[in-house]
Amino acid sequence: MSRLKRKRAAEMFERGLGYKAVSTQLSINRDTVRDWYAIWRALGTEDFLKCYRSGRRSLSLIHISEPTRLDVI
């Protein structure tokens, strides 16, 4: 996914939209957006946008300064 779509998704999350609405509006797979939403909630917008590179997720870039619970599906 492009960085622009991730940025738009983060903006929608900030406005209170859920992953289903974001998925529909951006025409992105619902499972992908659900994963993004969980990571965005844990990290915030700035770190959410940093933790992805074009093509693949790079979880090694994720740094969580406070204890956070991420559900693994």
Protein backbone atom coordinates (compact mmCIF):
# COMPACT_ATOMS: atom_id res chain seq x y z
CA MET A 1 0.00 0.00 0.00
CA SER A 2 1.14 3.49 -0.64
CA ARG A 3 2.21 5.76 2.19
CA LEU A 4 -0.54 8.15 1.10
CA LYS A 5 -3.24 5.53 1.72
CA ARG A 6 -1.79 4.74 5.15
CA LYS A 7 -1.73 8.46 5.93
CA ARG A 8 -5.35 8.86 4.83
CA ALA A 9 -6.34 5.84 6.92
CA ALA A 10 -4.61 7.33 9.99
CA GLU A 11 -6.45 10.62 9.46
CA MET A 12 -9.76 8.74 9.29
CA PHE A 13 -8.93 6.78 12.45
CA GLU A 14 -8.19 10.10 14.20
CA ARG A 15 -11.64 11.34 13.17
CA GLY A 16 -13.18 8.28 14.81
CA LEU A 17 -13.91 6.10 11.81
CA GLY A 18 -13.52 2.35 12.34
CA TYR A 19 -11.57 -0.05 10.20
CA LYS A 20 -14.65 -1.20 8.26
CA ALA A 21 -15.54 2.32 7.15
CA VAL A 22 -11.92 3.14 6.29
CA SER A 23 -11.61 -0.10 4.33
CA THR A 24 -14.70 0.71 2.29
CA GLN A 25 -13.81 4.35 1.64
CA LEU A 26 -10.21 3.61 0.61
CA SER A 27 -10.98 0.34 -1.21
CA ILE A 28 -8.44 -1.60 0.84
CA ASN A 29 -8.83 -5.14 2.13
CA ARG A 30 -10.65 -5.12 5.47
CA ASP A 31 -8.11 -7.41 7.17
CA THR A 32 -5.28 -5.10 6.17
CA VAL A 33 -7.05 -2.05 7.58
CA ARG A 34 -7.93 -3.93 10.78
CA ASP A 35 -4.22 -4.69 11.26
CA TRP A 36 -3.35 -1.06 10.54
CA TYR A 37 -5.95 0.09 13.09
CA ALA A 38 -4.49 -2.09 15.85
CA ILE A 39 -0.98 -0.82 15.13
CA TRP A 40 -2.15 2.80 14.85
CA ARG A 41 -3.91 2.57 18.23
CA ALA A 42 -0.78 1.13 19.84
CA LEU A 43 1.75 3.49 18.27
CA GLY A 44 -0.01 6.67 17.20
CA THR A 45 0.01 8.25 13.78
CA GLU A 46 3.66 9.25 13.52
CA ASP A 47 5.09 5.86 14.47
CA PHE A 48 2.39 4.03 12.51
CA LEU A 49 3.56 5.78 9.35
CA LYS A 50 7.22 5.06 10.16
CA CYS A 51 6.75 1.35 10.75
CA TYR A 52 5.87 0.54 7.15
CA ARG A 53 7.98 0.69 4.06
CA SER A 54 6.74 0.27 0.54
CA GLY A 55 5.71 -3.28 -0.11
CA ARG A 56 6.37 -4.92 3.25
CA ARG A 57 5.88 -4.29 6.91
CA SER A 58 9.06 -3.91 8.86
CA LEU A 59 8.12 -4.78 12.40
CA SER A 60 11.73 -4.29 13.47
CA LEU A 61 11.13 -0.55 13.08
CA ILE A 62 8.37 -0.57 15.68
CA HIS A 63 9.47 0.84 19.02
CA ILE A 64 6.91 0.94 21.77
CA SER A 65 7.91 3.11 24.71
CA GLU A 66 4.97 2.19 26.93
CA PRO A 67 3.55 -1.27 27.64
CA THR A 68 1.00 -1.98 24.93
CA ARG A 69 -1.19 -4.93 24.14
CA LEU A 70 -1.45 -5.93 20.50
CA ASP A 71 -3.88 -8.75 19.82
CA VAL A 72 -2.54 -11.32 17.40
CA ILE A 73 -5.19 -12.81 15.20
